[in-house]
C-alpha atoms as a PDB file:
ATOM      1  CA  MET A   1     103.065 116.850 102.032  1.00  0.00           C
ATOM      2  CA  LEU A   2     101.928 113.780 100.125  1.00  0.00           C
ATOM      3  CA  ALA A   3     103.572 110.467 101.007  1.00  0.00           C
ATOM      4  CA  LEU A   4     105.983 109.119  98.425  1.00  0.00           C
ATOM      5  CA  SER A   5     106.848 105.448  97.945  1.00  0.00           C
ATOM      6  CA  GLU A   6     110.282 104.992  96.412  1.00  0.00           C
ATOM      7  CA  ALA A   7     109.336 101.429  95.435  1.00  0.00           C
ATOM      8  CA  CYS A   8     106.402 102.765  93.389  1.00  0.00           C
ATOM      9  CA  GLU A   9     108.704 105.171  91.603  1.00  0.00           C
ATOM     10  CA  ARG A  10     111.132 102.373  90.763  1.00  0.00           C
ATOM     11  CA  ASN A  11     108.625  99.809  89.562  1.00  0.00           C
ATOM     12  CA  LYS A  12     105.988 101.920  87.797  1.00  0.00           C
ATOM     13  CA  GLU A  13     107.587 101.796  84.353  1.00  0.00           C
ATOM     14  CA  PRO A  14     108.209  97.995  84.284  1.00  0.00           C
ATOM     15  CA  ILE A  15     104.644  97.391  85.488  1.00  0.00           C
ATOM     16  CA  LEU A  16     103.249  99.815  82.923  1.00  0.00           C
ATOM     17  CA  ALA A  17     104.961  97.857  80.155  1.00  0.00           C
ATOM     18  CA  VAL A  18     103.040  94.735  81.251  1.00  0.00           C
ATOM     19  CA  LEU A  19      99.729  96.557  81.677  1.00  0.00           C
ATOM     20  CA  ARG A  20      99.867  98.070  78.186  1.00  0.00           C
ATOM     21  CA  GLU A  21      99.525  94.551  76.774  1.00  0.00           C
ATOM     22  CA  ALA A  22      97.464  92.899  79.488  1.00  0.00           C
ATOM     23  CA  PHE A  23      94.818  95.660  79.571  1.00  0.00           C
ATOM     24  CA  ALA A  24      94.759  96.349  75.825  1.00  0.00           C
ATOM     25  CA  ALA A  25      91.116  95.256  75.517  1.00  0.00           C
ATOM     26  CA  ALA A  26      89.963  96.693  78.852  1.00  0.00           C
ATOM     27  CA  ARG A  27      87.901  99.802  79.462  1.00  0.00           C
ATOM     28  CA  VAL A  28      87.472  99.999  83.254  1.00  0.00           C
ATOM     29  CA  VAL A  29      90.209  98.997  85.702  1.00  0.00           C
ATOM     30  CA  LEU A  30      89.732  98.526  89.444  1.00  0.00           C
ATOM     31  CA  GLU A  31      92.925  98.936  91.466  1.00  0.00           C
ATOM     32  CA  VAL A  32      92.768  97.235  94.870  1.00  0.00           C
ATOM     33  CA  GLY A  33      94.962  98.727  97.593  1.00  0.00           C
ATOM     34  CA  SER A  34      96.059 101.883  95.769  1.00  0.00           C
ATOM     35  CA  GLY A  35      98.226 103.058  98.670  1.00  0.00           C
ATOM     36  CA  THR A  36      99.872 106.411  97.971  1.00  0.00           C
ATOM     37  CA  GLY A  37      98.140 106.675  94.592  1.00  0.00           C
ATOM     38  CA  GLN A  38     101.393 106.983  92.637  1.00  0.00           C
ATOM     39  CA  HIS A  39     100.607 103.945  90.502  1.00  0.00           C
ATOM     40  CA  ALA A  40      97.053 105.119  89.848  1.00  0.00           C
ATOM     41  CA  VAL A  41      98.187 108.564  88.701  1.00  0.00           C
ATOM     42  CA  HIS A  42     100.984 107.189  86.506  1.00  0.00           C
ATOM     43  CA  PHE A  43      99.050 104.355  84.886  1.00  0.00           C
ATOM     44  CA  ALA A  44      95.933 106.441  84.235  1.00  0.00           C
ATOM     45  CA  ALA A  45      98.055 109.160  82.603  1.00  0.00           C
ATOM     46  CA  HIS A  46      99.843 106.702  80.321  1.00  0.00           C
ATOM     47  CA  LEU A  47      96.781 104.553  79.537  1.00  0.00           C
ATOM     48  CA  PRO A  48      94.276 107.298  78.675  1.00  0.00           C
ATOM     49  CA  GLN A  49      91.870 104.851  77.005  1.00  0.00           C
ATOM     50  CA  LEU A  50      91.162 103.326  80.435  1.00  0.00           C
ATOM     51  CA  ILE A  51      88.941 104.514  83.248  1.00  0.00           C
ATOM     52  CA  TRP A  52      91.036 103.849  86.362  1.00  0.00           C
ATOM     53  CA  GLN A  53      89.186 103.253  89.644  1.00  0.00           C
ATOM     54  CA  PRO A  54      91.498 103.327  92.699  1.00  0.00           C
ATOM     55  CA  SER A  55      90.470 101.918  96.061  1.00  0.00           C
ATOM     56  CA  GLU A  56      91.808 101.581  99.576  1.00  0.00           C
ATOM     57  CA  VAL A  57      90.650 100.629 103.059  1.00  0.00           C
ATOM     58  CA  ALA A  58      88.671 103.414 104.701  1.00  0.00           C
ATOM     59  CA  GLU A  59      91.351 104.473 107.190  1.00  0.00           C
ATOM     60  CA  LEU A  60      93.876 105.099 104.387  1.00  0.00           C
ATOM     61  CA  LEU A  61      91.493 106.724 101.928  1.00  0.00           C
ATOM     62  CA  ALA A  62      92.014 110.422 102.746  1.00  0.00           C
ATOM     63  CA  PRO A  63      95.668 110.825 101.627  1.00  0.00           C
ATOM     64  CA  LEU A  64      94.979 108.745  98.509  1.00  0.00           C
ATOM     65  CA  ALA A  65      92.034 110.975  97.635  1.00  0.00           C
ATOM     66  CA  GLU A  66      94.184 114.068  98.104  1.00  0.00           C
ATOM     67  CA  ARG A  67      96.854 112.871  95.662  1.00  0.00           C
ATOM     68  CA  ILE A  68      94.249 111.992  93.062  1.00  0.00           C
ATOM     69  CA  ARG A  69      92.547 115.364  93.525  1.00  0.00           C
ATOM     70  CA  LEU A  70      95.846 117.162  92.991  1.00  0.00           C
ATOM     71  CA  GLU A  71      97.486 114.991  90.332  1.00  0.00           C
ATOM     72  CA  GLY A  72      94.788 112.910  88.655  1.00  0.00           C
ATOM     73  CA  GLY A  73      93.521 113.316  85.112  1.00  0.00           C
ATOM     74  CA  ALA A  74      90.059 113.027  83.619  1.00  0.00           C
ATOM     75  CA  ASN A  75      90.162 109.222  83.401  1.00  0.00           C
ATOM     76  CA  LEU A  76      91.176 108.731  87.049  1.00  0.00           C
ATOM     77  CA  ARG A  77      88.147 108.399  89.307  1.00  0.00           C
ATOM     78  CA  ALA A  78      87.968 109.453  92.931  1.00  0.00           C
ATOM     79  CA  PRO A  79      88.955 106.496  95.141  1.00  0.00           C
ATOM     80  CA  VAL A  80      86.400 104.294  96.832  1.00  0.00           C
ATOM     81  CA  ALA A  81      86.623 102.575 100.203  1.00  0.00           C
ATOM     82  CA  LEU A  82      87.145  98.844  99.697  1.00  0.00           C
ATOM     83  CA  ASP A  83      87.914  96.113 102.207  1.00  0.00           C
ATOM     84  CA  VAL A  84      88.552  92.836 100.389  1.00  0.00           C
ATOM     85  CA  ARG A  85      86.645  91.020 103.145  1.00  0.00           C
ATOM     86  CA  SER A  86      83.374  92.761 102.234  1.00  0.00           C
ATOM     87  CA  THR A  87      80.711  90.813 100.313  1.00  0.00           C
ATOM     88  CA  PRO A  88      80.004  91.822  97.626  1.00  0.00           C
ATOM     89  CA  TRP A  89      82.576  94.488  96.836  1.00  0.00           C
ATOM     90  CA  PRO A  90      80.982  97.962  96.734  1.00  0.00           C
ATOM     91  CA  CYS A  91      82.063  98.789  93.193  1.00  0.00           C
ATOM     92  CA  ALA A  92      80.854  98.565  89.623  1.00  0.00           C
ATOM     93  CA  PRO A  93      81.959  95.652  87.411  1.00  0.00           C
ATOM     94  CA  ALA A  94      85.425  96.051  85.882  1.00  0.00           C
ATOM     95  CA  ASP A  95      87.142  94.678  82.790  1.00  0.00           C
ATOM     96  CA  ALA A  96      90.406  94.406  84.726  1.00  0.00           C
ATOM     97  CA  VAL A  97      91.677  94.342  88.297  1.00  0.00           C
ATOM     98  CA  PHE A  98      95.182  95.407  89.323  1.00  0.00           C
ATOM     99  CA  THR A  99      96.908  95.162  92.679  1.00  0.00           C
ATOM    100  CA  ALA A 100     100.515  95.680  93.750  1.00  0.00           C
ATOM    101  CA  ASN A 101     102.295  94.555  96.914  1.00  0.00           C
ATOM    102  CA  THR A 102      99.132  93.612  98.767  1.00  0.00           C
ATOM    103  CA  LEU A 103      98.844  89.820  99.005  1.00  0.00           C
ATOM    104  CA  HIS A 104     101.848  89.500 101.336  1.00  0.00           C
ATOM    105  CA  ILE A 105     100.465  92.244 103.615  1.00  0.00           C
ATOM    106  CA  MET A 106      97.023  90.738 104.183  1.00  0.00           C
ATOM    107  CA  SER A 107      96.256  87.465 105.953  1.00  0.00           C
ATOM    108  CA  TRP A 108      95.860  84.255 103.959  1.00  0.00           C
ATOM    109  CA  ALA A 109      92.120  84.315 104.710  1.00  0.00           C
ATOM    110  CA  SER A 110      91.968  87.809 103.213  1.00  0.00           C
ATOM    111  CA  VAL A 111      93.890  86.612 100.144  1.00  0.00           C
ATOM    112  CA  GLY A 112      91.046  84.150  99.649  1.00  0.00           C
ATOM    113  CA  ASP A 113      88.571  87.013 100.103  1.00  0.00           C
ATOM    114  CA  PHE A 114      90.506  89.029  97.531  1.00  0.00           C
ATOM    115  CA  PHE A 115      90.149  86.360  94.868  1.00  0.00           C
ATOM    116  CA  ARG A 116      86.482  85.815  95.730  1.00  0.00           C
ATOM    117  CA  GLY A 117      85.938  89.559  95.313  1.00  0.00           C
ATOM    118  CA  VAL A 118      87.819  89.604  92.024  1.00  0.00           C
ATOM    119  CA  GLY A 119      85.638  86.757  90.808  1.00  0.00           C
ATOM    120  CA  GLY A 120      82.568  88.831  91.538  1.00  0.00           C
ATOM    121  CA  ALA A 121      83.926  92.106  90.147  1.00  0.00           C
ATOM    122  CA  LEU A 122      85.391  90.992  86.810  1.00  0.00           C
ATOM    123  CA  THR A 123      83.345  91.028  83.626  1.00  0.00           C
ATOM    124  CA  ALA A 124      83.058  88.001  81.331  1.00  0.00           C
ATOM    125  CA  HIS A 125      86.508  88.288  79.736  1.00  0.00           C
ATOM    126  CA  GLY A 126      88.167  90.168  82.576  1.00  0.00           C
ATOM    127  CA  VAL A 127      91.881  90.246  83.361  1.00  0.00           C
ATOM    128  CA  LEU A 128      93.646  90.235  86.733  1.00  0.00           C
ATOM    129  CA  CYS A 129      97.218  91.509  87.205  1.00  0.00           C
ATOM    130  CA  VAL A 130      99.004  91.005  90.524  1.00  0.00           C
ATOM    131  CA  TYR A 131     102.449  92.486  91.212  1.00  0.00           C
ATOM    132  CA  GLY A 132     104.651  91.422  94.110  1.00  0.00           C
ATOM    133  CA  PRO A 133     107.072  88.811  95.474  1.00  0.00           C
ATOM    134  CA  PHE A 134     106.097  85.132  95.588  1.00  0.00           C
ATOM    135  CA  TYR A 135     107.390  81.774  96.729  1.00  0.00           C
ATOM    136  CA  PHE A 136     107.551  78.930  94.231  1.00  0.00           C
ATOM    137  CA  SER A 137     107.150  75.330  95.442  1.00  0.00           C
ATOM    138  CA  GLY A 138     107.353  76.649  98.983  1.00  0.00           C
ATOM    139  CA  GLN A 139     110.798  78.131  98.428  1.00  0.00           C
ATOM    140  CA  SER A 140     112.012  81.698  98.100  1.00  0.00           C
ATOM    141  CA  THR A 141     113.784  82.417  94.825  1.00  0.00           C
ATOM    142  CA  THR A 142     116.245  84.789  96.517  1.00  0.00           C
ATOM    143  CA  GLU A 143     117.784  85.394  99.932  1.00  0.00           C
ATOM    144  CA  SER A 144     116.402  88.942  99.946  1.00  0.00           C
ATOM    145  CA  ASN A 145     112.837  87.667  99.530  1.00  0.00           C
ATOM    146  CA  ALA A 146     113.397  85.135 102.339  1.00  0.00           C
ATOM    147  CA  GLN A 147     114.595  87.949 104.593  1.00  0.00           C
ATOM    148  CA  PHE A 148     111.617  90.091 103.599  1.00  0.00           C
ATOM    149  CA  ASP A 149     109.256  87.212 104.401  1.00  0.00           C
ATOM    150  CA  ALA A 150     110.837  86.805 107.854  1.00  0.00           C
ATOM    151  CA  TRP A 151     110.515  90.534 108.492  1.00  0.00           C
ATOM    152  CA  LEU A 152     106.843  90.513 107.491  1.00  0.00           C
ATOM    153  CA  LYS A 153     106.038  87.579 109.770  1.00  0.00           C
ATOM    154  CA  ALA A 154     107.903  89.131 112.707  1.00  0.00           C
ATOM    155  CA  ARG A 155     105.764  92.242 112.294  1.00  0.00           C
ATOM    156  CA  ASP A 156     102.510  90.348 111.673  1.00  0.00           C
ATOM    157  CA  PRO A 157     102.409  86.523 111.844  1.00  0.00           C
ATOM    158  CA  LEU A 158      99.384  86.456 109.509  1.00  0.00           C
ATOM    159  CA  SER A 159     101.288  88.163 106.694  1.00  0.00           C
ATOM    160  CA  GLY A 160     104.100  86.827 104.500  1.00  0.00           C
ATOM    161  CA  LEU A 161     105.015  85.905 100.951  1.00  0.00           C
ATOM    162  CA  ARG A 162     102.464  83.680  99.240  1.00  0.00           C
ATOM    163  CA  ASP A 163     103.222  80.557  97.242  1.00  0.00           C
ATOM    164  CA  PHE A 164     102.423  80.878  93.551  1.00  0.00           C
ATOM    165  CA  ALA A 165     100.714  77.469  93.305  1.00  0.00           C
ATOM    166  CA  GLU A 166      98.367  78.242  96.200  1.00  0.00           C
ATOM    167  CA  VAL A 167      97.513  81.661  94.778  1.00  0.00           C
ATOM    168  CA  ASP A 168      96.944  80.187  91.325  1.00  0.00           C
ATOM    169  CA  ALA A 169      94.572  77.639  92.846  1.00  0.00           C
ATOM    170  CA  LEU A 170      92.491  80.481  94.301  1.00  0.00           C
ATOM    171  CA  ALA A 171      92.436  82.168  90.903  1.00  0.00           C
ATOM    172  CA  ARG A 172      91.399  78.960  89.123  1.00  0.00           C
ATOM    173  CA  ALA A 173      88.576  78.502  91.620  1.00  0.00           C
ATOM    174  CA  GLN A 174      87.201  81.819  90.326  1.00  0.00           C
ATOM    175  CA  GLY A 175      87.424  80.721  86.699  1.00  0.00           C
ATOM    176  CA  LEU A 176      90.706  82.518  85.991  1.00  0.00           C
ATOM    177  CA  ALA A 177      93.440  80.967  83.860  1.00  0.00           C
ATOM    178  CA  LEU A 178      97.081  82.067  84.121  1.00  0.00           C
ATOM    179  CA  LEU A 179      98.212  83.877  80.983  1.00  0.00           C
ATOM    180  CA  ALA A 180     101.666  85.152  81.936  1.00  0.00           C
ATOM    181  CA  ASP A 181     104.263  85.286  84.678  1.00  0.00           C
ATOM    182  CA  HIS A 182     106.553  88.266  84.130  1.00  0.00           C
ATOM    183  CA  ALA A 183     109.865  88.559  85.971  1.00  0.00           C
ATOM    184  CA  MET A 184     110.199  92.084  87.367  1.00  0.00           C
ATOM    185  CA  PRO A 185     112.926  94.147  89.050  1.00  0.00           C
ATOM    186  CA  ALA A 186     113.800  93.559  92.720  1.00  0.00           C
ATOM    187  CA  ASN A 187     112.836  89.850  92.554  1.00  0.00           C
ATOM    188  CA  ASN A 188     109.144  90.557  92.013  1.00  0.00           C
ATOM    189  CA  ARG A 189     106.672  89.111  89.509  1.00  0.00           C
ATOM    190  CA  THR A 190     103.620  90.351  87.656  1.00  0.00           C
ATOM    191  CA  LEU A 191     101.118  87.519  87.285  1.00  0.00           C
ATOM    192  CA  VAL A 192      98.357  87.852  84.697  1.00  0.00           C
ATOM    193  CA  TRP A 193      95.138  85.817  84.715  1.00  0.00           C
ATOM    194  CA  ARG A 194      92.159  85.992  82.382  1.00  0.00           C
ATOM    195  CA  ARG A 195      88.645  84.747  83.001  1.00  0.00           C
ATOM    196  CA  ALA A 196      88.423  81.462  81.125  1.00  0.00           C
ATOM    197  CA  PRO A 197      85.539  81.137  78.628  1.00  0.00           C
ATOM    198  CA  ARG A 198      82.750  78.893  79.815  1.00  0.00           C
ATOM    199  CA  ALA A 199      82.315  75.611  77.996  1.00  0.00           C
END
């Protein structure tokens, strides 16, 4: 039986509403950390003009590939193995990159690797969308997010909610300018950056 994430089921429609606008000019989307594949299947089905490329670390690739084999449409590619720490990323250039609930799972060093990889993968006018919980000015916006952050750090001291300003600095270092910060259900955000035109 395929794994099912209840969180993915709850948040897929609000995220899709953001992606419809953010990826309107895109053709190829790279999803980093596709997990169960529920987002990939749903977004590819509802954004048929896009070619959706899912990815996951090698040890989690098999169940993702199985879901996509069973449920994916013509515009959903077979997943590729991708570790954000690899240099360069083993994938073709993309007009857009999407990731959900990943930055607080990986270490801060790997968050830096993620943005470096995005900088190398995005085309000239590429867009990055990141969904998840964030701190702002070093503070949690809700008690539930503070509790979640404590739980993450108890499980893995290198993980935890990331501060928006620090993440935005990593994006800016890759030539990405923040376009939008969308409030989402369950105290999450969807942050949208676009590659800034060169002077």
